[in-house]
């Protein structure tokens, strides 16, 4: 389980005053919002900097298909607009108003942590805590966790009994706190009938060891060297051009500060894009190249072909480990160098791939294939929240 410290201690100090004032202001309307009929619900994700992924799906479901009073939590410096809803309710993370809402709310949903996505420091304020639901930003299977602190929540979602087992046995969560509900963003996925491959998404994983403790060393890393070799492969460029195909490189957010030299290589057939929401890329692209990203599981769900480009497989397994057996359970060809990537890309462009929808690994990773994931998550939260409330009253 990962809980990266994304808000520094010095930054957190500025939240103390609005937190205290918001708490006292919440007394004026808490009884109204905590009622059973129209509970106040807060949803946030990705530090409030993106409207995407599971948090987006959960917010839209609650706003459009339920009667709850739901707010989206947005970072102060974010510029995106919510276009799917007319006059959406939005609150700025860290504001007095956001804390007033938090201490009046009955449920909160987040993808990273309550502190980064909803209400910084509020977890330390034990007088009132809403029911917290961790809806995650990825699926556990392809890589082990970064060592660090743990996410705190009352309910954790899982896409399958296999993922629940990971969260119970490896994350050491109580089994009663992990429920197999499906993944919220899957509700927005619709398989494409067009099987031609013309847009290939390249999504490498961030390796925390690529940078030293001083923040330097990127240009000496194996990741950097292999990225350069791939993007400078003239045979690959020719192959893409001949097939009128594009390779879309979407860097991990932690890579954004290092992308200058790669952006210079942008052309008609290799595009560098960090601004398009990843959920949109998943739907728009026909195939995927990745190493260990859990987005591979989204492509498996959509029955789209993919290539595992794992130039450092041995080192990665040694440092991070994995929950799947890379020898028997990967659901696409595995390659270790740029020449092999090119060969597999040629096969994809020629239509040489097979469906994995009904494979053994697909059945292992997905408990549901429908558009009821957000509904299951919401109904489970209501049920478990009621159980917690009754338990407290009984205690």
Foldseek 3Di string as FASTA:
>chain_A
DDADCPADPVNLVLLVVLLVLLLVLLVVCLVVQQDPQAHEEEFWEPLQQDCDFQSVLLQCCCVPPHRHRYEYEHAPPHDDDDPPDDPGHYDYESGSNLSNSQQSGAEYEYARACCRIGYNPCVVVPPGHHQYEHLHRFAAFLWFDDDDDDHDGQAYEHQFVLRLCCCCVVVVDPSVRYDNQHHSLLLVDDADPDQAAAEEEEEEDDDPVCADPVRDNVCVDPVNVQVVVQLPPVVLVVLNVVLVHAYEYAYDPVCVVPCPVVCVSDDSHYHYDPDPHVSVVLRPGQEYEYARGSVVLVCLLSQGAYEHAHQPVVVRCVVINGNDDPVPQDDHHYHRHNVVVSVVVSCSNVVNDDGCCPPPNNVRRGPDNHNCRSVSVVVVSVVSSVVVVVVVVVD
